[in-house]
Amino acid sequence: MNVFNLKVVILFTALFGFNSAAVLADEELESSVDTEVSTESEISGDFTSRDRLIETLVVSDEDAKAELEKTQKTLAETEAERDAAQAELDTVATDATAEEIAALEKQLADAEKEVDIAGAEVAKADAGLAEVQAAQETQLELVAELSDEQVFALNRTLNNAVNNDLIGELDGALILQTVVDGDYNKLQINSFTKALEEEAKFTAFADKFQDKYEASGNEKFLEISDRMLSRGEIQKDKFLAKVDRFADKGSFSKDAAKNQVKELAKLSAKGEAKAIAKKAALSSAKKAAKTQAKLNAKNISKQIIKEEGRKSLKENGRRDNSGSKGKKSRG
């Protein structure tokens, strides 16, 4: 038993309380649990690439298209058989017996039934393709709503699922819708996707041991399968509990960013208002100063005029007094 298998035996013994080596052969252990994580991604593009995320999560319509082409081909074949049966009946010899004609008619009727069945399959496949493409369009719209940080976080956290062939077990539509609706930050994205990945991983293990139980009848396999499912639920709940815990951590969400912009706008508006008020106050002060200066100038002018008037009156009075004295002395 190599080191890898020894690690798996230790893991199973710790989880299930018995030596799994007594139940599983080395090659079965090797194929049952893959604990190695690849460091190289099987999907092109770096973690910032939206195209990479689309390739990872968005549903592909390739299988639906292939199914439609397959049913269309079958329909064409059945129609050809129907047409051949019709031609054979139309060209039946005039001396053909009633039994021969009846056989040809039955052949045509059977061919027409096959055409109807094939036509129904084409309609079903066509509807299936339309449904897939509608889902695809919705998911592409969700990808477009993601921030660059969310795209990076999703690509990075899903890389392990991609490399361990678990991505097909994850619901891409659920992941995208949940991240967009909850406006998850990178920590929430990591916890949420990890919860789904753990559930998918242990469910895959459980299915393998269920198959082994059905093939061998060994109830130890069934016990392992049940415990794998329980373990998956425990792991899922553990990581889901972290989603709410990380709600206020990580980088700003879109709403938080919007609120920050609003606050900055308010502060900017207040600053502008203060500047306008200050400018208005200065302008008002200047006007008031000018007005006061004019008033002061007027008052000073009036005061000067009054003073000049008083001086003039005094001078005139002195002159009058001196003139009167001269007249008296001459008389």
C-alpha atoms as a PDB file:
ATOM      1  CA  MET A   1       0.000   0.000   0.000  1.00  0.00           C
ATOM      2  CA  ASN A   2       1.530   3.317  -1.066  1.00  0.00           C
ATOM      3  CA  VAL A   3       1.560   6.591   0.892  1.00  0.00           C
ATOM      4  CA  PHE A   4      -1.546   7.871  -0.873  1.00  0.00           C
ATOM      5  CA  ASN A   5      -3.606   4.820   0.041  1.00  0.00           C
ATOM      6  CA  LEU A   6      -2.281   4.911   3.602  1.00  0.00           C
ATOM      7  CA  LYS A   7      -3.516   8.483   3.975  1.00  0.00           C
ATOM      8  CA  VAL A   8      -6.932   7.486   2.673  1.00  0.00           C
ATOM      9  CA  VAL A   9      -7.123   4.534   5.071  1.00  0.00           C
ATOM     10  CA  ILE A  10      -6.259   6.830   7.970  1.00  0.00           C
ATOM     11  CA  LEU A  11      -8.928   9.290   6.807  1.00  0.00           C
ATOM     12  CA  PHE A  12     -11.611   6.642   6.542  1.00  0.00           C
ATOM     13  CA  THR A  13     -10.641   5.065   9.848  1.00  0.00           C
ATOM     14  CA  ALA A  14     -10.912   8.449  11.556  1.00  0.00           C
ATOM     15  CA  LEU A  15     -14.249   9.194   9.927  1.00  0.00           C
ATOM     16  CA  PHE A  16     -15.947   5.836  10.149  1.00  0.00           C
ATOM     17  CA  GLY A  17     -14.259   4.012  13.031  1.00  0.00           C
ATOM     18  CA  PHE A  18     -13.078   0.933  11.152  1.00  0.00           C
ATOM     19  CA  ASN A  19     -10.242  -0.043   8.880  1.00  0.00           C
ATOM     20  CA  SER A  20     -11.436   0.560   5.342  1.00  0.00           C
ATOM     21  CA  ALA A  21      -8.521  -1.439   3.988  1.00  0.00           C
ATOM     22  CA  ALA A  22     -10.436  -4.542   5.008  1.00  0.00           C
ATOM     23  CA  VAL A  23     -13.253  -3.457   2.707  1.00  0.00           C
ATOM     24  CA  LEU A  24     -11.536  -1.742  -0.201  1.00  0.00           C
ATOM     25  CA  ALA A  25      -8.742  -2.987  -2.373  1.00  0.00           C
ATOM     26  CA  ASP A  26      -5.839  -0.669  -3.096  1.00  0.00           C
ATOM     27  CA  GLU A  27      -7.054   0.222  -6.584  1.00  0.00           C
ATOM     28  CA  GLU A  28     -10.551   0.919  -5.253  1.00  0.00           C
ATOM     29  CA  LEU A  29      -9.177   3.254  -2.616  1.00  0.00           C
ATOM     30  CA  GLU A  30      -7.090   5.020  -5.232  1.00  0.00           C
ATOM     31  CA  SER A  31     -10.089   5.642  -7.483  1.00  0.00           C
ATOM     32  CA  SER A  32     -12.609   6.401  -4.738  1.00  0.00           C
ATOM     33  CA  VAL A  33     -11.120   9.459  -3.093  1.00  0.00           C
ATOM     34  CA  ASP A  34      -9.018  12.110  -4.782  1.00  0.00           C
ATOM     35  CA  THR A  35      -7.370  14.248  -2.155  1.00  0.00           C
ATOM     36  CA  GLU A  36      -4.827  15.819  -4.486  1.00  0.00           C
ATOM     37  CA  VAL A  37      -5.524  19.315  -5.800  1.00  0.00           C
ATOM     38  CA  SER A  38      -4.141  20.300  -9.181  1.00  0.00           C
ATOM     39  CA  THR A  39      -2.344  23.609  -9.350  1.00  0.00           C
ATOM     40  CA  GLU A  40      -2.910  24.041 -13.080  1.00  0.00           C
ATOM     41  CA  SER A  41      -6.339  24.953 -14.347  1.00  0.00           C
ATOM     42  CA  GLU A  42      -7.981  23.088 -17.200  1.00  0.00           C
ATOM     43  CA  ILE A  43      -9.794  26.285 -18.234  1.00  0.00           C
ATOM     44  CA  SER A  44      -7.951  29.050 -20.061  1.00  0.00           C
ATOM     45  CA  GLY A  45      -7.746  32.651 -18.894  1.00  0.00           C
ATOM     46  CA  ASP A  46      -6.603  34.195 -15.632  1.00  0.00           C
ATOM     47  CA  PHE A  47      -8.828  34.808 -12.623  1.00  0.00           C
ATOM     48  CA  THR A  48      -9.766  38.305 -13.821  1.00  0.00           C
ATOM     49  CA  SER A  49     -11.293  36.933 -17.031  1.00  0.00           C
ATOM     50  CA  ARG A  50     -15.073  37.034 -17.394  1.00  0.00           C
ATOM     51  CA  ASP A  51     -14.777  34.640 -20.330  1.00  0.00           C
ATOM     52  CA  ARG A  52     -13.137  32.139 -18.001  1.00  0.00           C
ATOM     53  CA  LEU A  53     -16.026  32.489 -15.537  1.00  0.00           C
ATOM     54  CA  ILE A  54     -18.538  32.057 -18.350  1.00  0.00           C
ATOM     55  CA  GLU A  55     -16.799  28.881 -19.460  1.00  0.00           C
ATOM     56  CA  THR A  56     -16.780  27.660 -15.848  1.00  0.00           C
ATOM     57  CA  LEU A  57     -20.312  28.452 -14.684  1.00  0.00           C
ATOM     58  CA  VAL A  58     -22.619  29.462 -17.519  1.00  0.00           C
ATOM     59  CA  VAL A  59     -24.620  26.600 -18.965  1.00  0.00           C
ATOM     60  CA  SER A  60     -23.478  25.491 -22.416  1.00  0.00           C
ATOM     61  CA  ASP A  61     -25.930  24.910 -25.252  1.00  0.00           C
ATOM     62  CA  GLU A  62     -23.601  22.528 -27.112  1.00  0.00           C
ATOM     63  CA  ASP A  63     -25.256  19.353 -25.801  1.00  0.00           C
ATOM     64  CA  ALA A  64     -28.722  20.723 -26.562  1.00  0.00           C
ATOM     65  CA  LYS A  65     -27.655  21.629 -30.097  1.00  0.00           C
ATOM     66  CA  ALA A  66     -26.169  18.173 -30.598  1.00  0.00           C
ATOM     67  CA  GLU A  67     -29.396  16.569 -29.365  1.00  0.00           C
ATOM     68  CA  LEU A  68     -31.461  18.666 -31.769  1.00  0.00           C
ATOM     69  CA  GLU A  69     -29.215  17.709 -34.694  1.00  0.00           C
ATOM     70  CA  LYS A  70     -29.485  14.056 -33.715  1.00  0.00           C
ATOM     71  CA  THR A  71     -33.294  14.127 -33.612  1.00  0.00           C
ATOM     72  CA  GLN A  72     -33.455  16.040 -36.897  1.00  0.00           C
ATOM     73  CA  LYS A  73     -31.284  13.380 -38.512  1.00  0.00           C
ATOM     74  CA  THR A  74     -33.556  10.644 -37.159  1.00  0.00           C
ATOM     75  CA  LEU A  75     -36.607  12.492 -38.468  1.00  0.00           C
ATOM     76  CA  ALA A  76     -35.047  12.772 -41.928  1.00  0.00           C
ATOM     77  CA  GLU A  77     -34.315   9.031 -41.931  1.00  0.00           C
ATOM     78  CA  THR A  78     -37.854   8.085 -40.877  1.00  0.00           C
ATOM     79  CA  GLU A  79     -39.332  10.424 -43.475  1.00  0.00           C
ATOM     80  CA  ALA A  80     -37.198   8.748 -46.134  1.00  0.00           C
ATOM     81  CA  GLU A  81     -38.471   5.338 -45.017  1.00  0.00           C
ATOM     82  CA  ARG A  82     -42.037   6.640 -45.061  1.00  0.00           C
ATOM     83  CA  ASP A  83     -41.593   8.027 -48.571  1.00  0.00           C
ATOM     84  CA  ALA A  84     -40.120   4.714 -49.735  1.00  0.00           C
ATOM     85  CA  ALA A  85     -43.060   2.815 -48.272  1.00  0.00           C
ATOM     86  CA  GLN A  86     -45.463   5.201 -49.974  1.00  0.00           C
ATOM     87  CA  ALA A  87     -43.682   4.779 -53.320  1.00  0.00           C
ATOM     88  CA  GLU A  88     -43.732   1.021 -52.973  1.00  0.00           C
ATOM     89  CA  LEU A  89     -47.447   1.076 -52.309  1.00  0.00           C
ATOM     90  CA  ASP A  90     -48.088   3.430 -55.220  1.00  0.00           C
ATOM     91  CA  THR A  91     -46.230   1.178 -57.646  1.00  0.00           C
ATOM     92  CA  VAL A  92     -47.665  -2.098 -56.442  1.00  0.00           C
ATOM     93  CA  ALA A  93     -48.297  -4.520 -59.240  1.00  0.00           C
ATOM     94  CA  THR A  94     -51.815  -4.730 -60.543  1.00  0.00           C
ATOM     95  CA  ASP A  95     -51.831  -8.422 -59.895  1.00  0.00           C
ATOM     96  CA  ALA A  96     -50.743  -8.066 -56.240  1.00  0.00           C
ATOM     97  CA  THR A  97     -52.798 -10.008 -53.763  1.00  0.00           C
ATOM     98  CA  ALA A  98     -54.866  -8.390 -51.041  1.00  0.00           C
ATOM     99  CA  GLU A  99     -52.442  -9.705 -48.445  1.00  0.00           C
ATOM    100  CA  GLU A 100     -49.494  -8.070 -50.235  1.00  0.00           C
ATOM    101  CA  ILE A 101     -51.315  -4.746 -50.477  1.00  0.00           C
ATOM    102  CA  ALA A 102     -52.316  -4.934 -46.806  1.00  0.00           C
ATOM    103  CA  ALA A 103     -48.698  -5.588 -45.836  1.00  0.00           C
ATOM    104  CA  LEU A 104     -47.544  -2.561 -47.805  1.00  0.00           C
ATOM    105  CA  GLU A 105     -50.233  -0.402 -46.213  1.00  0.00           C
ATOM    106  CA  LYS A 106     -49.181  -1.573 -42.750  1.00  0.00           C
ATOM    107  CA  GLN A 107     -45.569  -0.824 -43.618  1.00  0.00           C
ATOM    108  CA  LEU A 108     -46.569   2.716 -44.614  1.00  0.00           C
ATOM    109  CA  ALA A 109     -48.651   3.185 -41.468  1.00  0.00           C
ATOM    110  CA  ASP A 110     -45.763   2.038 -39.275  1.00  0.00           C
ATOM    111  CA  ALA A 111     -43.399   4.379 -41.109  1.00  0.00           C
ATOM    112  CA  GLU A 112     -45.780   7.291 -40.557  1.00  0.00           C
ATOM    113  CA  LYS A 113     -45.908   6.487 -36.831  1.00  0.00           C
ATOM    114  CA  GLU A 114     -42.117   6.571 -36.721  1.00  0.00           C
ATOM    115  CA  VAL A 115     -42.188   9.944 -38.460  1.00  0.00           C
ATOM    116  CA  ASP A 116     -44.631  11.260 -35.852  1.00  0.00           C
ATOM    117  CA  ILE A 117     -42.449   9.975 -33.011  1.00  0.00           C
ATOM    118  CA  ALA A 118     -39.323  11.456 -34.562  1.00  0.00           C
ATOM    119  CA  GLY A 119     -41.116  14.758 -35.141  1.00  0.00           C
ATOM    120  CA  ALA A 120     -42.130  14.871 -31.480  1.00  0.00           C
ATOM    121  CA  GLU A 121     -38.512  14.261 -30.465  1.00  0.00           C
ATOM    122  CA  VAL A 122     -37.387  17.122 -32.684  1.00  0.00           C
ATOM    123  CA  ALA A 123     -39.958  19.431 -31.095  1.00  0.00           C
ATOM    124  CA  LYS A 124     -38.826  18.316 -27.635  1.00  0.00           C
ATOM    125  CA  ALA A 125     -35.161  18.879 -28.458  1.00  0.00           C
ATOM    126  CA  ASP A 126     -35.946  22.260 -29.989  1.00  0.00           C
ATOM    127  CA  ALA A 127     -37.803  23.320 -26.840  1.00  0.00           C
ATOM    128  CA  GLY A 128     -34.921  22.028 -24.746  1.00  0.00           C
ATOM    129  CA  LEU A 129     -32.438  24.101 -26.716  1.00  0.00           C
ATOM    130  CA  ALA A 130     -34.613  27.200 -26.341  1.00  0.00           C
ATOM    131  CA  GLU A 131     -34.807  26.615 -22.587  1.00  0.00           C
ATOM    132  CA  VAL A 132     -31.046  26.196 -22.271  1.00  0.00           C
ATOM    133  CA  GLN A 133     -30.369  29.303 -24.346  1.00  0.00           C
ATOM    134  CA  ALA A 134     -32.810  31.335 -22.245  1.00  0.00           C
ATOM    135  CA  ALA A 135     -31.022  30.177 -19.087  1.00  0.00           C
ATOM    136  CA  GLN A 136     -27.702  30.946 -20.744  1.00  0.00           C
ATOM    137  CA  GLU A 137     -28.810  34.485 -21.567  1.00  0.00           C
ATOM    138  CA  THR A 138     -29.939  35.059 -17.979  1.00  0.00           C
ATOM    139  CA  GLN A 139     -26.640  33.781 -16.605  1.00  0.00           C
ATOM    140  CA  LEU A 140     -24.644  35.951 -19.002  1.00  0.00           C
ATOM    141  CA  GLU A 141     -26.574  38.974 -17.745  1.00  0.00           C
ATOM    142  CA  LEU A 142     -25.683  37.986 -14.174  1.00  0.00           C
ATOM    143  CA  VAL A 143     -22.002  37.702 -15.081  1.00  0.00           C
ATOM    144  CA  ALA A 144     -22.191  41.208 -16.563  1.00  0.00           C
ATOM    145  CA  GLU A 145     -23.544  42.516 -13.235  1.00  0.00           C
ATOM    146  CA  LEU A 146     -20.599  41.166 -11.239  1.00  0.00           C
ATOM    147  CA  SER A 147     -17.852  43.513 -10.137  1.00  0.00           C
ATOM    148  CA  ASP A 148     -14.269  42.811 -11.184  1.00  0.00           C
ATOM    149  CA  GLU A 149     -13.505  41.739  -7.628  1.00  0.00           C
ATOM    150  CA  GLN A 150     -16.406  39.267  -7.625  1.00  0.00           C
ATOM    151  CA  VAL A 151     -15.263  37.806 -10.955  1.00  0.00           C
ATOM    152  CA  PHE A 152     -11.755  37.298  -9.582  1.00  0.00           C
ATOM    153  CA  ALA A 153     -13.056  35.727  -6.357  1.00  0.00           C
ATOM    154  CA  LEU A 154     -15.352  33.307  -8.202  1.00  0.00           C
ATOM    155  CA  ASN A 155     -12.682  32.211 -10.666  1.00  0.00           C
ATOM    156  CA  ARG A 156     -10.182  31.635  -7.896  1.00  0.00           C
ATOM    157  CA  THR A 157     -12.457  29.752  -5.514  1.00  0.00           C
ATOM    158  CA  LEU A 158     -13.965  27.578  -8.275  1.00  0.00           C
ATOM    159  CA  ASN A 159     -10.571  26.573  -9.641  1.00  0.00           C
ATOM    160  CA  ASN A 160     -10.340  23.632  -7.240  1.00  0.00           C
ATOM    161  CA  ALA A 161     -13.755  22.328  -8.312  1.00  0.00           C
ATOM    162  CA  VAL A 162     -12.731  22.632 -11.957  1.00  0.00           C
ATOM    163  CA  ASN A 163      -9.521  20.685 -11.480  1.00  0.00           C
ATOM    164  CA  ASN A 164     -11.215  17.960  -9.428  1.00  0.00           C
ATOM    165  CA  ASP A 165     -14.070  17.451 -11.913  1.00  0.00           C
ATOM    166  CA  LEU A 166     -16.672  18.729  -9.465  1.00  0.00           C
ATOM    167  CA  ILE A 167     -17.709  21.827 -11.394  1.00  0.00           C
ATOM    168  CA  GLY A 168     -20.343  19.860 -13.294  1.00  0.00           C
ATOM    169  CA  GLU A 169     -22.020  19.043  -9.975  1.00  0.00           C
ATOM    170  CA  LEU A 170     -22.354  22.708  -8.992  1.00  0.00           C
ATOM    171  CA  ASP A 171     -25.367  24.806  -9.947  1.00  0.00           C
ATOM    172  CA  GLY A 172     -23.877  27.727 -11.853  1.00  0.00           C
ATOM    173  CA  ALA A 173     -27.176  29.594 -12.059  1.00  0.00           C
ATOM    174  CA  LEU A 174     -27.635  29.328  -8.282  1.00  0.00           C
ATOM    175  CA  ILE A 175     -24.114  30.569  -7.598  1.00  0.00           C
ATOM    176  CA  LEU A 176     -24.385  33.582  -9.910  1.00  0.00           C
ATOM    177  CA  GLN A 177     -27.874  34.564  -8.755  1.00  0.00           C
ATOM    178  CA  THR A 178     -26.928  34.256  -5.076  1.00  0.00           C
ATOM    179  CA  VAL A 179     -23.737  36.294  -5.440  1.00  0.00           C
ATOM    180  CA  VAL A 180     -25.524  39.052  -7.369  1.00  0.00           C
ATOM    181  CA  ASP A 181     -28.606  39.166  -5.124  1.00  0.00           C
ATOM    182  CA  GLY A 182     -26.535  39.111  -1.938  1.00  0.00           C
ATOM    183  CA  ASP A 183     -23.858  41.406  -3.375  1.00  0.00           C
ATOM    184  CA  TYR A 184     -21.304  39.028  -1.839  1.00  0.00           C
ATOM    185  CA  ASN A 185     -17.762  40.125  -1.090  1.00  0.00           C
ATOM    186  CA  LYS A 186     -14.781  37.855  -1.756  1.00  0.00           C
ATOM    187  CA  LEU A 187     -14.942  36.173   1.673  1.00  0.00           C
ATOM    188  CA  GLN A 188     -18.638  35.391   1.291  1.00  0.00           C
ATOM    189  CA  ILE A 189     -18.083  34.076  -2.236  1.00  0.00           C
ATOM    190  CA  ASN A 190     -15.332  31.769  -1.023  1.00  0.00           C
ATOM    191  CA  SER A 191     -17.472  30.407   1.827  1.00  0.00           C
ATOM    192  CA  PHE A 192     -20.596  29.938  -0.296  1.00  0.00           C
ATOM    193  CA  THR A 193     -18.888  28.155  -3.174  1.00  0.00           C
ATOM    194  CA  LYS A 194     -16.828  26.069  -0.759  1.00  0.00           C
ATOM    195  CA  ALA A 195     -20.062  24.921   0.916  1.00  0.00           C
ATOM    196  CA  LEU A 196     -21.463  23.734  -2.416  1.00  0.00           C
ATOM    197  CA  GLU A 197     -18.160  22.140  -3.390  1.00  0.00           C
ATOM    198  CA  GLU A 198     -17.952  20.167  -0.137  1.00  0.00           C
ATOM    199  CA  GLU A 199     -21.515  18.932  -0.586  1.00  0.00           C
ATOM    200  CA  ALA A 200     -20.790  17.879  -4.179  1.00  0.00           C
ATOM    201  CA  LYS A 201     -17.541  16.168  -3.207  1.00  0.00           C
ATOM    202  CA  PHE A 202     -19.032  14.020  -0.454  1.00  0.00           C
ATOM    203  CA  THR A 203     -22.142  13.296  -2.520  1.00  0.00           C
ATOM    204  CA  ALA A 204     -19.882  11.978  -5.288  1.00  0.00           C
ATOM    205  CA  PHE A 205     -18.110   9.779  -2.739  1.00  0.00           C
ATOM    206  CA  ALA A 206     -21.454   8.553  -1.418  1.00  0.00           C
ATOM    207  CA  ASP A 207     -22.660   7.667  -4.912  1.00  0.00           C
ATOM    208  CA  LYS A 208     -19.533   5.642  -5.599  1.00  0.00           C
ATOM    209  CA  PHE A 209     -19.947   3.602  -2.426  1.00  0.00           C
ATOM    210  CA  GLN A 210     -23.666   3.195  -3.113  1.00  0.00           C
ATOM    211  CA  ASP A 211     -22.750   1.674  -6.474  1.00  0.00           C
ATOM    212  CA  LYS A 212     -20.234  -0.617  -4.781  1.00  0.00           C
ATOM    213  CA  TYR A 213     -22.875  -1.725  -2.293  1.00  0.00           C
ATOM    214  CA  GLU A 214     -25.361  -2.504  -5.073  1.00  0.00           C
ATOM    215  CA  ALA A 215     -22.685  -4.450  -6.957  1.00  0.00           C
ATOM    216  CA  SER A 216     -21.339  -6.410  -3.979  1.00  0.00           C
ATOM    217  CA  GLY A 217     -24.074  -6.421  -1.358  1.00  0.00           C
ATOM    218  CA  ASN A 218     -21.454  -5.498   1.270  1.00  0.00           C
ATOM    219  CA  GLU A 219     -23.261  -3.307   3.805  1.00  0.00           C
ATOM    220  CA  LYS A 220     -20.023  -1.639   4.841  1.00  0.00           C
ATOM    221  CA  PHE A 221     -20.169   0.237   1.534  1.00  0.00           C
ATOM    222  CA  LEU A 222     -23.708   1.371   2.336  1.00  0.00           C
ATOM    223  CA  GLU A 223     -22.586   2.554   5.764  1.00  0.00           C
ATOM    224  CA  ILE A 224     -19.761   4.550   4.215  1.00  0.00           C
ATOM    225  CA  SER A 225     -22.175   6.037   1.675  1.00  0.00           C
ATOM    226  CA  ASP A 226     -24.572   7.219   4.389  1.00  0.00           C
ATOM    227  CA  ARG A 227     -21.786   8.707   6.457  1.00  0.00           C
ATOM    228  CA  MET A 228     -20.391  10.467   3.416  1.00  0.00           C
ATOM    229  CA  LEU A 229     -23.748  12.166   2.867  1.00  0.00           C
ATOM    230  CA  SER A 230     -23.884  13.214   6.519  1.00  0.00           C
ATOM    231  CA  ARG A 231     -20.349  14.496   6.346  1.00  0.00           C
ATOM    232  CA  GLY A 232     -21.211  16.521   3.272  1.00  0.00           C
ATOM    233  CA  GLU A 233     -24.131  18.192   5.047  1.00  0.00           C
ATOM    234  CA  ILE A 234     -21.942  19.035   8.035  1.00  0.00           C
ATOM    235  CA  GLN A 235     -19.279  20.583   5.829  1.00  0.00           C
ATOM    236  CA  LYS A 236     -21.845  22.491   3.813  1.00  0.00           C
ATOM    237  CA  ASP A 237     -23.492  23.974   6.916  1.00  0.00           C
ATOM    238  CA  LYS A 238     -20.098  24.901   8.362  1.00  0.00           C
ATOM    239  CA  PHE A 239     -19.168  27.020   5.362  1.00  0.00           C
ATOM    240  CA  LEU A 240     -22.643  28.488   4.875  1.00  0.00           C
ATOM    241  CA  ALA A 241     -22.513  29.768   8.454  1.00  0.00           C
ATOM    242  CA  LYS A 242     -19.518  31.873   7.471  1.00  0.00           C
ATOM    243  CA  VAL A 243     -21.397  33.707   4.736  1.00  0.00           C
ATOM    244  CA  ASP A 244     -23.359  35.923   7.141  1.00  0.00           C
ATOM    245  CA  ARG A 245     -20.343  36.251   9.412  1.00  0.00           C
ATOM    246  CA  PHE A 246     -18.319  37.764   6.588  1.00  0.00           C
ATOM    247  CA  ALA A 247     -21.091  40.127   5.453  1.00  0.00           C
ATOM    248  CA  ASP A 248     -19.377  43.224   6.857  1.00  0.00           C
ATOM    249  CA  LYS A 249     -15.840  42.141   6.031  1.00  0.00           C
ATOM    250  CA  GLY A 250     -13.782  42.198   2.892  1.00  0.00           C
ATOM    251  CA  SER A 251     -13.894  45.072   0.475  1.00  0.00           C
ATOM    252  CA  PHE A 252     -16.783  47.473  -0.009  1.00  0.00           C
ATOM    253  CA  SER A 253     -19.898  46.065  -1.575  1.00  0.00           C
ATOM    254  CA  LYS A 254     -21.679  47.902  -4.388  1.00  0.00           C
ATOM    255  CA  ASP A 255     -24.201  49.420  -1.957  1.00  0.00           C
ATOM    256  CA  ALA A 256     -21.439  50.469   0.404  1.00  0.00           C
ATOM    257  CA  ALA A 257     -19.579  52.059  -2.465  1.00  0.00           C
ATOM    258  CA  LYS A 258     -22.719  53.880  -3.565  1.00  0.00           C
ATOM    259  CA  ASN A 259     -23.278  55.143  -0.028  1.00  0.00           C
ATOM    260  CA  GLN A 260     -19.694  56.312   0.136  1.00  0.00           C
ATOM    261  CA  VAL A 261     -20.115  58.203  -3.129  1.00  0.00           C
ATOM    262  CA  LYS A 262     -23.287  59.809  -1.778  1.00  0.00           C
ATOM    263  CA  GLU A 263     -21.502  60.873   1.387  1.00  0.00           C
ATOM    264  CA  LEU A 264     -18.645  62.311  -0.624  1.00  0.00           C
ATOM    265  CA  ALA A 265     -21.163  64.126  -2.790  1.00  0.00           C
ATOM    266  CA  LYS A 266     -22.820  65.545   0.320  1.00  0.00           C
ATOM    267  CA  LEU A 267     -19.490  66.672   1.713  1.00  0.00           C
ATOM    268  CA  SER A 268     -18.608  68.185  -1.628  1.00  0.00           C
ATOM    269  CA  ALA A 269     -21.964  69.941  -1.769  1.00  0.00           C
ATOM    270  CA  LYS A 270     -21.436  71.266   1.754  1.00  0.00           C
ATOM    271  CA  GLY A 271     -17.994  72.494   0.797  1.00  0.00           C
ATOM    272  CA  GLU A 272     -19.369  74.209  -2.275  1.00  0.00           C
ATOM    273  CA  ALA A 273     -22.177  75.727  -0.218  1.00  0.00           C
ATOM    274  CA  LYS A 274     -19.672  77.035   2.310  1.00  0.00           C
ATOM    275  CA  ALA A 275     -17.553  78.483  -0.458  1.00  0.00           C
ATOM    276  CA  ILE A 276     -20.580  80.167  -2.008  1.00  0.00           C
ATOM    277  CA  ALA A 277     -21.684  81.481   1.383  1.00  0.00           C
ATOM    278  CA  LYS A 278     -18.188  82.742   2.102  1.00  0.00           C
ATOM    279  CA  LYS A 279     -18.030  84.426  -1.278  1.00  0.00           C
ATOM    280  CA  ALA A 280     -21.453  85.943  -0.742  1.00  0.00           C
ATOM    281  CA  ALA A 281     -20.449  87.109   2.714  1.00  0.00           C
ATOM    282  CA  LEU A 282     -17.285  88.700   1.377  1.00  0.00           C
ATOM    283  CA  SER A 283     -19.238  90.346  -1.410  1.00  0.00           C
ATOM    284  CA  SER A 284     -21.817  91.577   1.067  1.00  0.00           C
ATOM    285  CA  ALA A 285     -19.096  92.828   3.373  1.00  0.00           C
ATOM    286  CA  LYS A 286     -17.456  94.682   0.510  1.00  0.00           C
ATOM    287  CA  LYS A 287     -20.756  96.272  -0.453  1.00  0.00           C
ATOM    288  CA  ALA A 288     -21.418  97.186   3.150  1.00  0.00           C
ATOM    289  CA  ALA A 289     -17.946  98.652   3.471  1.00  0.00           C
ATOM    290  CA  LYS A 290     -18.437 100.695   0.328  1.00  0.00           C
ATOM    291  CA  THR A 291     -21.801 101.911   1.539  1.00  0.00           C
ATOM    292  CA  GLN A 292     -20.368 102.786   4.937  1.00  0.00           C
ATOM    293  CA  ALA A 293     -17.441 104.548   3.306  1.00  0.00           C
ATOM    294  CA  LYS A 294     -19.836 106.615   1.233  1.00  0.00           C
ATOM    295  CA  LEU A 295     -21.849 107.444   4.321  1.00  0.00           C
ATOM    296  CA  ASN A 296     -18.697 108.328   6.211  1.00  0.00           C
ATOM    297  CA  ALA A 297     -17.568 110.499   3.325  1.00  0.00           C
ATOM    298  CA  LYS A 298     -20.909 112.275   3.282  1.00  0.00           C
ATOM    299  CA  ASN A 299     -20.805 112.779   7.024  1.00  0.00           C
ATOM    300  CA  ILE A 300     -17.268 114.099   6.836  1.00  0.00           C
ATOM    301  CA  SER A 301     -18.264 116.433   3.998  1.00  0.00           C
ATOM    302  CA  LYS A 302     -21.211 117.682   5.989  1.00  0.00           C
ATOM    303  CA  GLN A 303     -19.019 118.148   9.030  1.00  0.00           C
ATOM    304  CA  ILE A 304     -16.460 120.068   6.986  1.00  0.00           C
ATOM    305  CA  ILE A 305     -19.180 122.241   5.475  1.00  0.00           C
ATOM    306  CA  LYS A 306     -20.578 122.918   8.922  1.00  0.00           C
ATOM    307  CA  GLU A 307     -17.160 123.786  10.263  1.00  0.00           C
ATOM    308  CA  GLU A 308     -16.476 126.047   7.285  1.00  0.00           C
ATOM    309  CA  GLY A 309     -19.861 127.679   7.785  1.00  0.00           C
ATOM    310  CA  ARG A 310     -19.154 128.306  11.438  1.00  0.00           C
ATOM    311  CA  LYS A 311     -15.760 129.756  10.631  1.00  0.00           C
ATOM    312  CA  SER A 312     -17.298 131.997   7.982  1.00  0.00           C
ATOM    313  CA  LEU A 313     -19.949 133.242  10.386  1.00  0.00           C
ATOM    314  CA  LYS A 314     -17.332 133.968  12.994  1.00  0.00           C
ATOM    315  CA  GLU A 315     -15.194 135.871  10.497  1.00  0.00           C
ATOM    316  CA  ASN A 316     -18.157 137.896   9.313  1.00  0.00           C
ATOM    317  CA  GLY A 317     -19.130 138.634  12.882  1.00  0.00           C
ATOM    318  CA  ARG A 318     -15.677 139.878  13.668  1.00  0.00           C
ATOM    319  CA  ARG A 319     -15.687 142.097  10.615  1.00  0.00           C
ATOM    320  CA  ASP A 320     -19.057 143.584  11.542  1.00  0.00           C
ATOM    321  CA  ASN A 321     -17.897 144.299  15.065  1.00  0.00           C
ATOM    322  CA  SER A 322     -14.705 145.978  13.924  1.00  0.00           C
ATOM    323  CA  GLY A 323     -16.655 148.153  11.452  1.00  0.00           C
ATOM    324  CA  SER A 324     -19.063 149.344  14.085  1.00  0.00           C
ATOM    325  CA  LYS A 325     -16.248 150.312  16.386  1.00  0.00           C
ATOM    326  CA  GLY A 326     -14.642 152.403  13.613  1.00  0.00           C
ATOM    327  CA  LYS A 327     -17.805 154.313  12.933  1.00  0.00           C
ATOM    328  CA  LYS A 328     -18.227 155.129  16.601  1.00  0.00           C
ATOM    329  CA  SER A 329     -14.677 156.400  16.935  1.00  0.00           C
ATOM    330  CA  ARG A 330     -15.008 158.637  13.913  1.00  0.00           C
ATOM    331  CA  GLY A 331     -18.194 160.127  15.202  1.00  0.00           C
END
